[in-house]
Amino acid sequence: MSSSLSRFSQTSNMATLFLRRTFCLNTPTAPPCPPCPEPAPSSSRGYKFWKKITFMVAMPLVGLIALNTYTEHQKEHAHRSRPKFIEYEYLRIRTKRYPWRDGVKTLFHNPEVNALPTGYEK
């Protein structure tokens, strides 16, 4: 029994020594940890540089792209004409009235684009 007890205490001591060395616990039984390296000198202008790039380059660029997209969209839709209304029997079928407004128009009805069963409003 004493041999198993001594074997247990040996493994316990080895595990303790391993943990102390692994986690740099400075104790008399473990060698001291090496000193931590000095942090690399950080450039204090790094964040300032990217802040300037963001506000002076990226944001105006996003604005210009949005303006360009809007003007191209306006050019495309300026000369577009509404298609001629043809009353097909399988389109705009209303079996019951809608529960809003007059019951004929859809919820997001646009009189310039959406046709009613009888034709365009305008």
N, C-alpha and C. Protein backbone atom coordinates (compact mmCIF):
# COMPACT_ATOMS: atom_id res chain seq x y z
N MET A 1 0.82 -1.18 0.00
CA MET A 1 0.00 0.00 0.00
C MET A 1 0.86 1.25 0.00
N SER A 2 1.95 1.22 0.70
CA SER A 2 2.82 2.39 0.75
C SER A 2 3.47 2.66 -0.60
N SER A 3 3.71 1.61 -1.40
CA SER A 3 4.31 1.83 -2.72
C SER A 3 3.31 2.52 -3.65
N SER A 4 2.03 2.15 -3.57
CA SER A 4 1.02 2.81 -4.41
C SER A 4 0.81 4.25 -3.97
N LEU A 5 0.92 4.50 -2.68
CA LEU A 5 0.78 5.86 -2.17
C LEU A 5 1.94 6.72 -2.61
N SER A 6 3.14 6.17 -2.58
CA SER A 6 4.30 6.96 -3.00
C SER A 6 4.26 7.20 -4.50
N ARG A 7 3.77 6.21 -5.27
CA ARG A 7 3.65 6.38 -6.71
C ARG A 7 2.64 7.49 -7.02
N PHE A 8 1.54 7.55 -6.28
CA PHE A 8 0.53 8.59 -6.45
C PHE A 8 1.11 9.97 -6.14
N SER A 9 1.88 10.06 -5.08
CA SER A 9 2.46 11.35 -4.71
C SER A 9 3.50 11.79 -5.74
N GLN A 10 4.21 10.82 -6.35
CA GLN A 10 5.17 11.17 -7.40
C GLN A 10 4.45 11.76 -8.60
N THR A 11 3.38 11.09 -9.05
CA THR A 11 2.65 11.61 -10.21
C THR A 11 1.98 12.93 -9.88
N SER A 12 1.52 13.09 -8.66
CA SER A 12 0.92 14.34 -8.25
C SER A 12 1.95 15.46 -8.28
N ASN A 13 3.16 15.18 -7.80
CA ASN A 13 4.22 16.18 -7.83
C ASN A 13 4.61 16.51 -9.26
N MET A 14 4.66 15.51 -10.13
CA MET A 14 5.01 15.75 -11.53
C MET A 14 3.94 16.60 -12.22
N ALA A 15 2.67 16.32 -11.91
CA ALA A 15 1.59 17.10 -12.51
C ALA A 15 1.63 18.54 -12.02
N THR A 16 1.92 18.71 -10.74
CA THR A 16 2.02 20.06 -10.18
C THR A 16 3.16 20.82 -10.84
N LEU A 17 4.30 20.14 -10.99
CA LEU A 17 5.46 20.77 -11.62
C LEU A 17 5.15 21.15 -13.06
N PHE A 18 4.46 20.24 -13.78
CA PHE A 18 4.08 20.52 -15.17
C PHE A 18 3.17 21.75 -15.25
N LEU A 19 2.17 21.80 -14.38
CA LEU A 19 1.23 22.93 -14.39
C LEU A 19 1.92 24.22 -14.03
N ARG A 20 2.83 24.18 -13.07
CA ARG A 20 3.54 25.39 -12.68
C ARG A 20 4.40 25.90 -13.82
N ARG A 21 5.07 24.98 -14.52
CA ARG A 21 5.93 25.41 -15.63
C ARG A 21 5.08 25.89 -16.82
N THR A 22 3.96 25.22 -17.04
CA THR A 22 3.11 25.59 -18.18
C THR A 22 2.48 26.96 -17.98
N PHE A 23 1.97 27.22 -16.81
CA PHE A 23 1.28 28.48 -16.57
C PHE A 23 2.16 29.52 -15.89
N CYS A 24 3.47 29.29 -15.89
CA CYS A 24 4.45 30.23 -15.36
C CYS A 24 4.13 30.66 -13.93
N LEU A 25 3.90 29.71 -13.10
CA LEU A 25 3.67 30.03 -11.69
C LEU A 25 5.03 30.07 -11.00
N ASN A 26 5.45 31.23 -10.60
CA ASN A 26 6.75 31.36 -9.95
C ASN A 26 6.68 30.86 -8.52
N THR A 27 7.21 29.71 -8.33
CA THR A 27 7.28 29.11 -7.00
C THR A 27 8.70 28.61 -6.80
N PRO A 28 9.08 28.29 -5.59
CA PRO A 28 10.44 27.82 -5.36
C PRO A 28 10.77 26.53 -6.10
N THR A 29 9.78 25.70 -6.40
CA THR A 29 10.08 24.43 -7.07
C THR A 29 10.14 24.57 -8.57
N ALA A 30 9.59 25.60 -9.15
CA ALA A 30 9.61 25.77 -10.59
C ALA A 30 10.57 26.90 -10.95
N PRO A 31 11.26 26.75 -12.08
CA PRO A 31 12.15 27.82 -12.49
C PRO A 31 11.34 29.06 -12.85
N PRO A 32 11.90 30.24 -12.67
CA PRO A 32 11.15 31.46 -13.00
C PRO A 32 10.86 31.55 -14.50
N CYS A 33 9.77 32.18 -14.81
CA CYS A 33 9.39 32.35 -16.21
C CYS A 33 10.30 33.38 -16.86
N PRO A 34 10.52 33.23 -18.15
CA PRO A 34 11.31 34.26 -18.83
C PRO A 34 10.51 35.56 -18.86
N PRO A 35 11.18 36.68 -18.90
CA PRO A 35 10.44 37.95 -18.93
C PRO A 35 9.64 38.08 -20.22
N CYS A 36 8.51 38.71 -20.11
CA CYS A 36 7.65 38.92 -21.28
C CYS A 36 8.34 39.88 -22.23
N PRO A 37 8.22 39.61 -23.52
CA PRO A 37 8.85 40.53 -24.48
C PRO A 37 8.14 41.88 -24.47
N GLU A 38 8.87 42.90 -24.79
CA GLU A 38 8.30 44.24 -24.86
C GLU A 38 7.34 44.30 -26.04
N PRO A 39 6.22 44.98 -25.88
CA PRO A 39 5.31 45.10 -27.02
C PRO A 39 5.95 45.90 -28.13
N ALA A 40 5.60 45.54 -29.34
CA ALA A 40 6.15 46.24 -30.50
C ALA A 40 5.70 47.70 -30.44
N PRO A 41 6.57 48.60 -30.83
CA PRO A 41 6.16 50.01 -30.81
C PRO A 41 5.02 50.22 -31.80
N SER A 42 3.92 50.74 -31.32
CA SER A 42 2.76 50.93 -32.19
C SER A 42 2.82 52.32 -32.81
N SER A 43 2.39 52.36 -34.02
CA SER A 43 2.36 53.63 -34.72
C SER A 43 1.11 54.37 -34.28
N SER A 44 1.27 55.53 -33.71
CA SER A 44 0.11 56.27 -33.23
C SER A 44 -0.66 56.91 -34.37
N ARG A 45 -0.07 56.95 -35.57
CA ARG A 45 -0.79 57.55 -36.69
C ARG A 45 -1.60 56.51 -37.46
N GLY A 46 -1.57 55.25 -37.06
CA GLY A 46 -2.29 54.21 -37.78
C GLY A 46 -3.79 54.45 -37.79
N TYR A 47 -4.37 54.68 -36.65
CA TYR A 47 -5.82 54.88 -36.61
C TYR A 47 -6.20 56.21 -37.21
N LYS A 48 -5.34 57.21 -37.08
CA LYS A 48 -5.63 58.52 -37.67
C LYS A 48 -5.65 58.43 -39.19
N PHE A 49 -4.71 57.67 -39.73
CA PHE A 49 -4.64 57.49 -41.18
C PHE A 49 -5.93 56.87 -41.71
N TRP A 50 -6.38 55.77 -41.09
CA TRP A 50 -7.58 55.09 -41.56
C TRP A 50 -8.84 55.90 -41.30
N LYS A 51 -8.83 56.71 -40.27
CA LYS A 51 -9.97 57.59 -40.01
C LYS A 51 -10.08 58.63 -41.13
N LYS A 52 -8.93 59.20 -41.52
CA LYS A 52 -8.93 60.17 -42.62
C LYS A 52 -9.35 59.53 -43.92
N ILE A 53 -8.85 58.32 -44.19
CA ILE A 53 -9.23 57.63 -45.43
C ILE A 53 -10.73 57.37 -45.45
N THR A 54 -11.29 56.99 -44.31
CA THR A 54 -12.72 56.70 -44.25
C THR A 54 -13.55 57.95 -44.55
N PHE A 55 -13.24 59.05 -43.88
CA PHE A 55 -14.07 60.24 -44.01
C PHE A 55 -13.76 61.07 -45.25
N MET A 56 -12.53 61.01 -45.75
CA MET A 56 -12.17 61.85 -46.90
C MET A 56 -12.22 61.12 -48.24
N VAL A 57 -12.20 59.79 -48.21
CA VAL A 57 -12.21 59.05 -49.47
C VAL A 57 -13.45 58.16 -49.57
N ALA A 58 -13.64 57.30 -48.58
CA ALA A 58 -14.70 56.30 -48.70
C ALA A 58 -16.10 56.92 -48.68
N MET A 59 -16.37 57.81 -47.73
CA MET A 59 -17.71 58.40 -47.64
C MET A 59 -18.06 59.24 -48.87
N PRO A 60 -17.17 60.13 -49.35
CA PRO A 60 -17.51 60.85 -50.58
C PRO A 60 -17.69 59.92 -51.78
N LEU A 61 -16.92 58.84 -51.82
CA LEU A 61 -17.06 57.88 -52.91
C LEU A 61 -18.43 57.21 -52.87
N VAL A 62 -18.89 56.84 -51.71
CA VAL A 62 -20.22 56.25 -51.58
C VAL A 62 -21.28 57.26 -52.02
N GLY A 63 -21.13 58.52 -51.64
CA GLY A 63 -22.07 59.55 -52.06
C GLY A 63 -22.09 59.73 -53.58
N LEU A 64 -20.92 59.73 -54.20
CA LEU A 64 -20.85 59.88 -55.66
C LEU A 64 -21.47 58.69 -56.38
N ILE A 65 -21.24 57.51 -55.87
CA ILE A 65 -21.82 56.32 -56.48
C ILE A 65 -23.34 56.34 -56.34
N ALA A 66 -23.85 56.77 -55.19
CA ALA A 66 -25.30 56.87 -54.99
C ALA A 66 -25.90 57.91 -55.94
N LEU A 67 -25.25 59.05 -56.10
CA LEU A 67 -25.72 60.10 -57.01
C LEU A 67 -25.72 59.60 -58.45
N ASN A 68 -24.68 58.91 -58.84
CA ASN A 68 -24.61 58.36 -60.19
C ASN A 68 -25.72 57.35 -60.44
N THR A 69 -25.96 56.49 -59.47
CA THR A 69 -27.03 55.50 -59.61
C THR A 69 -28.39 56.17 -59.73
N TYR A 70 -28.62 57.19 -58.93
CA TYR A 70 -29.90 57.90 -58.97
C TYR A 70 -30.11 58.59 -60.32
N THR A 71 -29.10 59.27 -60.84
CA THR A 71 -29.25 59.97 -62.12
C THR A 71 -29.45 58.98 -63.26
N GLU A 72 -28.75 57.85 -63.25
CA GLU A 72 -28.95 56.85 -64.29
C GLU A 72 -30.36 56.27 -64.23
N HIS A 73 -30.86 56.08 -63.03
CA HIS A 73 -32.22 55.57 -62.86
C HIS A 73 -33.23 56.59 -63.40
N GLN A 74 -33.02 57.87 -63.14
CA GLN A 74 -33.92 58.90 -63.64
C GLN A 74 -33.89 58.98 -65.16
N LYS A 75 -32.70 58.85 -65.75
CA LYS A 75 -32.59 58.88 -67.22
C LYS A 75 -33.35 57.70 -67.84
N GLU A 76 -33.23 56.54 -67.22
CA GLU A 76 -33.87 55.34 -67.75
C GLU A 76 -35.39 55.46 -67.70
N HIS A 77 -35.92 56.02 -66.61
CA HIS A 77 -37.36 56.09 -66.44
C HIS A 77 -37.99 57.36 -67.02
N ALA A 78 -37.19 58.30 -67.49
CA ALA A 78 -37.74 59.54 -68.03
C ALA A 78 -38.46 59.31 -69.36
N HIS A 79 -37.95 58.45 -70.18
CA HIS A 79 -38.53 58.24 -71.50
C HIS A 79 -39.35 56.96 -71.60
N ARG A 80 -39.51 56.26 -70.50
CA ARG A 80 -40.29 55.02 -70.53
C ARG A 80 -41.78 55.35 -70.57
N SER A 81 -42.48 54.72 -71.50
CA SER A 81 -43.92 54.95 -71.60
C SER A 81 -44.66 53.72 -71.05
N ARG A 82 -45.86 53.95 -70.64
CA ARG A 82 -46.67 52.88 -70.08
C ARG A 82 -47.15 51.97 -71.21
N PRO A 83 -47.10 50.65 -70.99
CA PRO A 83 -47.57 49.75 -72.07
C PRO A 83 -49.09 49.89 -72.28
N LYS A 84 -49.50 49.61 -73.50
CA LYS A 84 -50.91 49.70 -73.84
C LYS A 84 -51.69 48.66 -73.04
N PHE A 85 -52.88 49.06 -72.57
CA PHE A 85 -53.70 48.14 -71.79
C PHE A 85 -54.41 47.17 -72.71
N ILE A 86 -54.20 45.88 -72.45
CA ILE A 86 -54.91 44.82 -73.16
C ILE A 86 -55.64 44.01 -72.11
N GLU A 87 -56.92 43.85 -72.30
CA GLU A 87 -57.72 43.16 -71.29
C GLU A 87 -57.68 41.65 -71.55
N TYR A 88 -56.78 40.99 -70.85
CA TYR A 88 -56.70 39.53 -70.94
C TYR A 88 -57.64 38.94 -69.88
N GLU A 89 -58.25 37.82 -70.20
CA GLU A 89 -59.22 37.24 -69.27
C GLU A 89 -58.56 36.59 -68.07
N TYR A 90 -57.29 36.25 -68.15
CA TYR A 90 -56.61 35.56 -67.06
C TYR A 90 -55.79 36.51 -66.17
N LEU A 91 -55.77 37.79 -66.45
CA LEU A 91 -55.07 38.76 -65.62
C LEU A 91 -56.06 39.60 -64.82
N ARG A 92 -55.63 40.11 -63.67
CA ARG A 92 -56.41 41.00 -62.82
C ARG A 92 -57.78 40.42 -62.48
N ILE A 93 -57.80 39.15 -62.11
CA ILE A 93 -59.04 38.49 -61.72
C ILE A 93 -59.36 38.88 -60.28
N ARG A 94 -60.58 39.36 -60.03
CA ARG A 94 -61.02 39.73 -58.69
C ARG A 94 -62.23 38.88 -58.34
N THR A 95 -62.03 37.84 -57.54
CA THR A 95 -63.16 37.00 -57.15
C THR A 95 -63.90 37.58 -55.96
N LYS A 96 -63.21 38.35 -55.12
CA LYS A 96 -63.88 39.05 -54.03
C LYS A 96 -63.15 40.37 -53.81
N ARG A 97 -63.81 41.29 -53.17
CA ARG A 97 -63.27 42.64 -52.98
C ARG A 97 -62.19 42.63 -51.90
N TYR A 98 -61.23 43.55 -52.05
CA TYR A 98 -60.20 43.71 -51.03
C TYR A 98 -60.81 44.37 -49.80
N PRO A 99 -60.31 44.08 -48.60
CA PRO A 99 -60.91 44.67 -47.39
C PRO A 99 -60.47 46.10 -47.11
N TRP A 100 -59.80 46.77 -48.02
CA TRP A 100 -59.39 48.15 -47.80
C TRP A 100 -59.85 49.03 -48.97
N ARG A 101 -59.87 50.30 -48.72
CA ARG A 101 -60.30 51.34 -49.68
C ARG A 101 -61.60 50.98 -50.37
N ASP A 102 -61.57 51.05 -51.71
CA ASP A 102 -62.81 50.78 -52.45
C ASP A 102 -62.97 49.30 -52.79
N GLY A 103 -61.99 48.46 -52.46
CA GLY A 103 -62.09 47.02 -52.69
C GLY A 103 -61.58 46.56 -54.03
N VAL A 104 -61.23 47.49 -54.92
CA VAL A 104 -60.76 47.12 -56.25
C VAL A 104 -59.25 47.27 -56.36
N LYS A 105 -58.71 48.25 -55.68
CA LYS A 105 -57.26 48.52 -55.78
C LYS A 105 -56.49 47.68 -54.77
N THR A 106 -55.30 47.25 -55.18
CA THR A 106 -54.45 46.49 -54.27
C THR A 106 -53.95 47.40 -53.17
N LEU A 107 -53.30 46.81 -52.17
CA LEU A 107 -52.87 47.59 -51.00
C LEU A 107 -51.86 48.67 -51.38
N PHE A 108 -50.92 48.36 -52.25
CA PHE A 108 -49.90 49.32 -52.66
C PHE A 108 -50.15 49.74 -54.11
N HIS A 109 -51.34 50.17 -54.40
CA HIS A 109 -51.74 50.53 -55.76
C HIS A 109 -51.09 51.85 -56.19
N ASN A 110 -50.53 51.85 -57.39
CA ASN A 110 -49.95 53.04 -57.98
C ASN A 110 -50.73 53.32 -59.27
N PRO A 111 -51.49 54.40 -59.32
CA PRO A 111 -52.35 54.64 -60.49
C PRO A 111 -51.59 54.86 -61.79
N GLU A 112 -50.32 55.22 -61.72
CA GLU A 112 -49.55 55.44 -62.94
C GLU A 112 -48.99 54.15 -63.52
N VAL A 113 -48.88 53.12 -62.70
CA VAL A 113 -48.24 51.88 -63.15
C VAL A 113 -49.20 50.70 -63.15
N ASN A 114 -49.99 50.56 -62.10
CA ASN A 114 -50.86 49.39 -61.94
C ASN A 114 -52.20 49.62 -62.61
N ALA A 115 -52.61 48.63 -63.40
CA ALA A 115 -53.90 48.71 -64.08
C ALA A 115 -54.98 48.06 -63.22
N LEU A 116 -56.17 48.57 -63.36
CA LEU A 116 -57.34 47.95 -62.74
C LEU A 116 -57.94 46.96 -63.74
N PRO A 117 -58.92 46.18 -63.37
CA PRO A 117 -59.51 45.24 -64.33
C PRO A 117 -60.10 45.91 -65.56
N THR A 118 -60.47 47.17 -65.43
CA THR A 118 -61.06 47.88 -66.58
C THR A 118 -60.06 48.74 -67.34
N GLY A 119 -58.87 48.92 -66.83
CA GLY A 119 -57.85 49.74 -67.50
C GLY A 119 -57.13 50.64 -66.52
N TYR A 120 -56.29 51.51 -67.04
CA TYR A 120 -55.54 52.45 -66.21
C TYR A 120 -56.44 53.57 -65.71
N GLU A 121 -56.11 54.12 -64.54
CA GLU A 121 -56.91 55.22 -64.00
C GLU A 121 -56.58 56.53 -64.69
N LYS A 122 -55.33 56.80 -64.91
CA LYS A 122 -54.91 58.08 -65.50
C LYS A 122 -54.56 57.90 -66.96
